[in-house]
Amino acid sequence: MVTIDSSPRRVPLPPPQSTCAKLKTRMKETFFPDDPFRRFNGKPPATKWLLGAQFLFPILEWAPTYSFSLLKADLVSGLTIASLAIPQGISYAGLANLPPIIGLCKSSRVIN
């Protein structure tokens, strides 16, 4: 026979924080929800520079492992999106009684 403990459990209150500490925590959670700089902790300066460059320019992280098969897949997906977005933009321009070139300008922003 299984017994179930029905006594209420209490969770301790967190320690009190100053208003500045609360504001700092909330701002950090708002602007950096996944803490992108945690990879920098305890690393030598050269590694920090490399990680910083990869953070600013993500191509530095994935380019060394990029392959020709991925390029083919990227080209196919780009052509697929273009073949859908360009006619859709022209059609929406026609529905709005605008020149078709306006639809092309808008669809090129979707593709880029």
N, C-alpha and C. Protein backbone atom coordinates (compact mmCIF):
# COMPACT_ATOMS: atom_id res chain seq x y z
N MET A 1 0.83 -1.17 0.00
CA MET A 1 0.00 0.00 0.00
C MET A 1 0.88 1.24 0.00
N VAL A 2 0.53 2.21 -0.83
CA VAL A 2 1.29 3.44 -0.96
C VAL A 2 0.61 4.53 -0.14
N THR A 3 1.40 5.22 0.67
CA THR A 3 0.84 6.33 1.43
C THR A 3 1.26 7.64 0.77
N ILE A 4 0.34 8.55 0.76
CA ILE A 4 0.60 9.86 0.16
C ILE A 4 0.68 10.89 1.27
N ASP A 5 1.77 11.63 1.26
CA ASP A 5 1.96 12.67 2.25
C ASP A 5 1.18 13.90 1.81
N SER A 6 0.19 14.29 2.56
CA SER A 6 -0.65 15.42 2.18
C SER A 6 -0.30 16.70 2.94
N SER A 7 0.82 16.69 3.66
CA SER A 7 1.21 17.89 4.38
C SER A 7 1.71 18.94 3.37
N PRO A 8 1.35 20.20 3.59
CA PRO A 8 1.77 21.23 2.64
C PRO A 8 3.28 21.46 2.70
N ARG A 9 3.85 21.68 1.54
CA ARG A 9 5.28 21.95 1.46
C ARG A 9 5.47 23.45 1.29
N ARG A 10 6.43 23.97 1.95
CA ARG A 10 6.70 25.41 1.86
C ARG A 10 8.01 25.63 1.14
N VAL A 11 7.95 26.58 0.23
CA VAL A 11 9.14 26.97 -0.51
C VAL A 11 9.70 28.21 0.17
N PRO A 12 10.99 28.21 0.48
CA PRO A 12 11.55 29.37 1.17
C PRO A 12 11.54 30.60 0.25
N LEU A 13 11.37 31.75 0.85
CA LEU A 13 11.40 32.99 0.10
C LEU A 13 12.83 33.29 -0.35
N PRO A 14 12.98 33.92 -1.51
CA PRO A 14 14.33 34.27 -1.95
C PRO A 14 14.89 35.39 -1.07
N PRO A 15 16.20 35.50 -1.01
CA PRO A 15 16.78 36.55 -0.18
C PRO A 15 16.42 37.93 -0.73
N PRO A 16 16.25 38.91 0.13
CA PRO A 16 15.89 40.24 -0.35
C PRO A 16 16.99 40.85 -1.23
N GLN A 17 16.57 41.57 -2.25
CA GLN A 17 17.51 42.22 -3.17
C GLN A 17 17.22 43.71 -3.20
N SER A 18 18.25 44.48 -3.50
CA SER A 18 18.06 45.91 -3.65
C SER A 18 17.34 46.19 -4.97
N THR A 19 16.81 47.38 -5.10
CA THR A 19 16.10 47.76 -6.32
C THR A 19 17.04 47.72 -7.52
N CYS A 20 18.28 48.15 -7.33
CA CYS A 20 19.26 48.12 -8.44
C CYS A 20 19.55 46.68 -8.88
N ALA A 21 19.68 45.79 -7.93
CA ALA A 21 19.94 44.39 -8.28
C ALA A 21 18.76 43.78 -9.01
N LYS A 22 17.53 44.11 -8.57
CA LYS A 22 16.34 43.62 -9.27
C LYS A 22 16.28 44.16 -10.69
N LEU A 23 16.55 45.46 -10.84
CA LEU A 23 16.52 46.08 -12.17
C LEU A 23 17.57 45.46 -13.08
N LYS A 24 18.77 45.24 -12.54
CA LYS A 24 19.84 44.63 -13.33
C LYS A 24 19.44 43.22 -13.80
N THR A 25 18.86 42.45 -12.90
CA THR A 25 18.43 41.09 -13.25
C THR A 25 17.35 41.11 -14.31
N ARG A 26 16.38 41.99 -14.16
CA ARG A 26 15.30 42.07 -15.15
C ARG A 26 15.80 42.54 -16.50
N MET A 27 16.69 43.51 -16.52
CA MET A 27 17.24 43.99 -17.80
C MET A 27 18.04 42.89 -18.48
N LYS A 28 18.82 42.16 -17.70
CA LYS A 28 19.62 41.07 -18.27
C LYS A 28 18.71 40.00 -18.85
N GLU A 29 17.64 39.65 -18.15
CA GLU A 29 16.70 38.64 -18.65
C GLU A 29 15.95 39.14 -19.88
N THR A 30 15.70 40.45 -19.95
CA THR A 30 14.98 41.00 -21.10
C THR A 30 15.84 41.04 -22.34
N PHE A 31 17.06 41.56 -22.22
CA PHE A 31 17.90 41.76 -23.39
C PHE A 31 18.78 40.56 -23.73
N PHE A 32 19.12 39.75 -22.75
CA PHE A 32 19.96 38.56 -22.98
C PHE A 32 19.32 37.36 -22.30
N PRO A 33 18.19 36.86 -22.83
CA PRO A 33 17.49 35.78 -22.13
C PRO A 33 18.28 34.49 -22.03
N ASP A 34 19.18 34.24 -22.98
CA ASP A 34 19.93 32.99 -22.92
C ASP A 34 21.39 33.23 -22.52
N ASP A 35 21.71 34.44 -22.06
CA ASP A 35 23.05 34.80 -21.62
C ASP A 35 24.10 34.39 -22.64
N PRO A 36 24.17 35.10 -23.79
CA PRO A 36 25.10 34.69 -24.85
C PRO A 36 26.57 34.82 -24.46
N PHE A 37 26.86 35.52 -23.37
CA PHE A 37 28.25 35.73 -22.99
C PHE A 37 28.77 34.68 -22.00
N ARG A 38 27.97 33.67 -21.68
CA ARG A 38 28.43 32.65 -20.73
C ARG A 38 29.60 31.85 -21.28
N ARG A 39 29.75 31.80 -22.61
CA ARG A 39 30.87 31.08 -23.21
C ARG A 39 32.20 31.79 -22.96
N PHE A 40 32.16 33.07 -22.59
CA PHE A 40 33.38 33.86 -22.41
C PHE A 40 34.01 33.66 -21.03
N ASN A 41 33.27 33.16 -20.08
CA ASN A 41 33.76 33.06 -18.71
C ASN A 41 34.95 32.11 -18.61
N GLY A 42 36.04 32.60 -18.03
CA GLY A 42 37.21 31.78 -17.76
C GLY A 42 38.03 31.40 -18.98
N LYS A 43 37.87 32.09 -20.10
CA LYS A 43 38.62 31.77 -21.31
C LYS A 43 39.79 32.73 -21.46
N PRO A 44 40.86 32.29 -22.13
CA PRO A 44 41.98 33.20 -22.39
C PRO A 44 41.56 34.30 -23.38
N PRO A 45 42.27 35.42 -23.40
CA PRO A 45 41.88 36.55 -24.25
C PRO A 45 41.76 36.20 -25.75
N ALA A 46 42.65 35.37 -26.25
CA ALA A 46 42.57 35.02 -27.68
C ALA A 46 41.27 34.26 -27.99
N THR A 47 40.88 33.37 -27.10
CA THR A 47 39.64 32.63 -27.29
C THR A 47 38.44 33.57 -27.17
N LYS A 48 38.52 34.54 -26.26
CA LYS A 48 37.43 35.51 -26.11
C LYS A 48 37.27 36.32 -27.40
N TRP A 49 38.39 36.71 -28.03
CA TRP A 49 38.31 37.45 -29.29
C TRP A 49 37.66 36.60 -30.38
N LEU A 50 38.04 35.34 -30.46
CA LEU A 50 37.46 34.44 -31.46
C LEU A 50 35.97 34.25 -31.21
N LEU A 51 35.59 34.01 -29.96
CA LEU A 51 34.17 33.84 -29.63
C LEU A 51 33.38 35.12 -29.89
N GLY A 52 34.00 36.27 -29.61
CA GLY A 52 33.34 37.55 -29.88
C GLY A 52 33.12 37.77 -31.37
N ALA A 53 34.13 37.41 -32.17
CA ALA A 53 34.00 37.53 -33.63
C ALA A 53 32.92 36.59 -34.15
N GLN A 54 32.86 35.38 -33.60
CA GLN A 54 31.82 34.43 -34.01
C GLN A 54 30.44 34.91 -33.59
N PHE A 55 30.35 35.61 -32.45
CA PHE A 55 29.07 36.14 -32.00
C PHE A 55 28.59 37.24 -32.93
N LEU A 56 29.52 38.12 -33.38
CA LEU A 56 29.14 39.21 -34.26
C LEU A 56 28.96 38.76 -35.71
N PHE A 57 29.76 37.80 -36.14
CA PHE A 57 29.71 37.31 -37.52
C PHE A 57 29.53 35.79 -37.49
N PRO A 58 28.29 35.31 -37.45
CA PRO A 58 28.04 33.87 -37.30
C PRO A 58 28.64 33.02 -38.42
N ILE A 59 28.92 33.62 -39.57
CA ILE A 59 29.52 32.84 -40.66
C ILE A 59 30.87 32.25 -40.25
N LEU A 60 31.56 32.91 -39.34
CA LEU A 60 32.85 32.40 -38.88
C LEU A 60 32.69 31.08 -38.11
N GLU A 61 31.51 30.86 -37.58
CA GLU A 61 31.28 29.63 -36.81
C GLU A 61 30.90 28.46 -37.72
N TRP A 62 30.02 28.72 -38.72
CA TRP A 62 29.53 27.60 -39.52
C TRP A 62 30.25 27.43 -40.85
N ALA A 63 30.98 28.43 -41.33
CA ALA A 63 31.64 28.33 -42.63
C ALA A 63 32.66 27.18 -42.72
N PRO A 64 33.47 26.92 -41.70
CA PRO A 64 34.44 25.83 -41.82
C PRO A 64 33.81 24.45 -42.04
N THR A 65 32.57 24.27 -41.59
CA THR A 65 31.93 22.97 -41.76
C THR A 65 30.90 22.96 -42.89
N TYR A 66 30.82 24.06 -43.65
CA TYR A 66 29.85 24.15 -44.74
C TYR A 66 30.30 23.27 -45.89
N SER A 67 29.36 22.55 -46.50
CA SER A 67 29.72 21.62 -47.56
C SER A 67 28.95 21.94 -48.84
N PHE A 68 29.37 21.32 -49.93
CA PHE A 68 28.74 21.54 -51.22
C PHE A 68 27.30 21.05 -51.22
N SER A 69 27.02 19.97 -50.51
CA SER A 69 25.64 19.47 -50.46
C SER A 69 24.73 20.48 -49.76
N LEU A 70 25.26 21.18 -48.76
CA LEU A 70 24.47 22.22 -48.11
C LEU A 70 24.23 23.39 -49.05
N LEU A 71 25.22 23.71 -49.89
CA LEU A 71 25.07 24.79 -50.86
C LEU A 71 23.96 24.46 -51.84
N LYS A 72 23.93 23.21 -52.31
CA LYS A 72 22.88 22.81 -53.24
C LYS A 72 21.51 22.93 -52.57
N ALA A 73 21.39 22.49 -51.34
CA ALA A 73 20.12 22.58 -50.63
C ALA A 73 19.71 24.04 -50.41
N ASP A 74 20.68 24.90 -50.10
CA ASP A 74 20.38 26.32 -49.90
C ASP A 74 19.92 26.97 -51.20
N LEU A 75 20.53 26.59 -52.32
CA LEU A 75 20.11 27.14 -53.61
C LEU A 75 18.69 26.70 -53.95
N VAL A 76 18.38 25.45 -53.73
CA VAL A 76 17.03 24.95 -54.01
C VAL A 76 16.01 25.67 -53.13
N SER A 77 16.31 25.83 -51.85
CA SER A 77 15.36 26.51 -50.97
C SER A 77 15.23 27.98 -51.35
N GLY A 78 16.31 28.63 -51.74
CA GLY A 78 16.23 30.03 -52.18
C GLY A 78 15.39 30.19 -53.43
N LEU A 79 15.58 29.30 -54.39
CA LEU A 79 14.78 29.37 -55.61
C LEU A 79 13.31 29.08 -55.32
N THR A 80 13.04 28.18 -54.40
CA THR A 80 11.66 27.88 -54.04
C THR A 80 10.98 29.09 -53.42
N ILE A 81 11.64 29.72 -52.49
CA ILE A 81 11.07 30.90 -51.84
C ILE A 81 10.88 32.03 -52.85
N ALA A 82 11.87 32.23 -53.73
CA ALA A 82 11.75 33.28 -54.75
C ALA A 82 10.60 33.00 -55.69
N SER A 83 10.42 31.74 -56.09
CA SER A 83 9.34 31.41 -57.02
C SER A 83 7.97 31.60 -56.39
N LEU A 84 7.89 31.61 -55.07
CA LEU A 84 6.62 31.86 -54.40
C LEU A 84 6.45 33.34 -54.05
N ALA A 85 7.50 33.99 -53.58
CA ALA A 85 7.38 35.36 -53.08
C ALA A 85 7.22 36.38 -54.21
N ILE A 86 7.91 36.20 -55.33
CA ILE A 86 7.84 37.19 -56.41
C ILE A 86 6.44 37.25 -57.02
N PRO A 87 5.85 36.13 -57.45
CA PRO A 87 4.48 36.23 -57.98
C PRO A 87 3.46 36.71 -56.94
N GLN A 88 3.67 36.33 -55.69
CA GLN A 88 2.76 36.78 -54.64
C GLN A 88 2.83 38.30 -54.49
N GLY A 89 4.02 38.87 -54.53
CA GLY A 89 4.17 40.32 -54.43
C GLY A 89 3.52 41.05 -55.59
N ILE A 90 3.71 40.52 -56.80
CA ILE A 90 3.08 41.13 -57.98
C ILE A 90 1.56 41.05 -57.86
N SER A 91 1.04 39.93 -57.39
CA SER A 91 -0.41 39.76 -57.24
C SER A 91 -0.98 40.72 -56.20
N TYR A 92 -0.30 40.86 -55.07
CA TYR A 92 -0.78 41.78 -54.04
C TYR A 92 -0.76 43.21 -54.54
N ALA A 93 0.23 43.57 -55.34
CA ALA A 93 0.27 44.92 -55.90
C ALA A 93 -0.92 45.13 -56.83
N GLY A 94 -1.26 44.10 -57.61
CA GLY A 94 -2.43 44.21 -58.49
C GLY A 94 -3.72 44.35 -57.70
N LEU A 95 -3.85 43.61 -56.60
CA LEU A 95 -5.04 43.73 -55.76
C LEU A 95 -5.18 45.12 -55.14
N ALA A 96 -4.06 45.76 -54.88
CA ALA A 96 -4.07 47.09 -54.27
C ALA A 96 -4.09 48.19 -55.32
N ASN A 97 -4.26 47.83 -56.60
CA ASN A 97 -4.26 48.79 -57.70
C ASN A 97 -2.96 49.60 -57.76
N LEU A 98 -1.85 48.93 -57.52
CA LEU A 98 -0.53 49.54 -57.61
C LEU A 98 0.21 48.94 -58.79
N PRO A 99 1.23 49.62 -59.29
CA PRO A 99 2.02 49.03 -60.38
C PRO A 99 2.73 47.76 -59.91
N PRO A 100 2.90 46.78 -60.79
CA PRO A 100 3.54 45.51 -60.40
C PRO A 100 4.94 45.69 -59.84
N ILE A 101 5.65 46.74 -60.26
CA ILE A 101 7.01 46.96 -59.76
C ILE A 101 7.02 47.16 -58.25
N ILE A 102 5.95 47.73 -57.71
CA ILE A 102 5.85 47.91 -56.26
C ILE A 102 5.83 46.54 -55.58
N GLY A 103 5.10 45.60 -56.17
CA GLY A 103 5.07 44.24 -55.62
C GLY A 103 6.42 43.56 -55.69
N LEU A 104 7.18 43.86 -56.76
CA LEU A 104 8.53 43.29 -56.87
C LEU A 104 9.45 43.87 -55.81
N CYS A 105 9.33 45.15 -55.56
CA CYS A 105 10.18 45.77 -54.52
C CYS A 105 9.87 45.20 -53.15
N LYS A 106 8.60 44.99 -52.86
CA LYS A 106 8.22 44.42 -51.57
C LYS A 106 8.65 42.96 -51.46
N SER A 107 8.50 42.19 -52.54
CA SER A 107 8.87 40.78 -52.45
C SER A 107 10.38 40.62 -52.37
N SER A 108 11.15 41.55 -52.93
CA SER A 108 12.61 41.43 -52.82
C SER A 108 13.04 41.68 -51.38
N ARG A 109 12.31 42.48 -50.63
CA ARG A 109 12.63 42.68 -49.21
C ARG A 109 12.31 41.43 -48.41
N VAL A 110 11.30 40.69 -48.83
CA VAL A 110 10.96 39.44 -48.14
C VAL A 110 12.08 38.43 -48.37
N ILE A 111 12.59 38.37 -49.58
CA ILE A 111 13.63 37.39 -49.91
C ILE A 111 14.94 37.74 -49.21
N ASN A 112 15.30 39.00 -49.16
CA ASN A 112 16.57 39.40 -48.55
C ASN A 112 16.45 39.27 -47.11
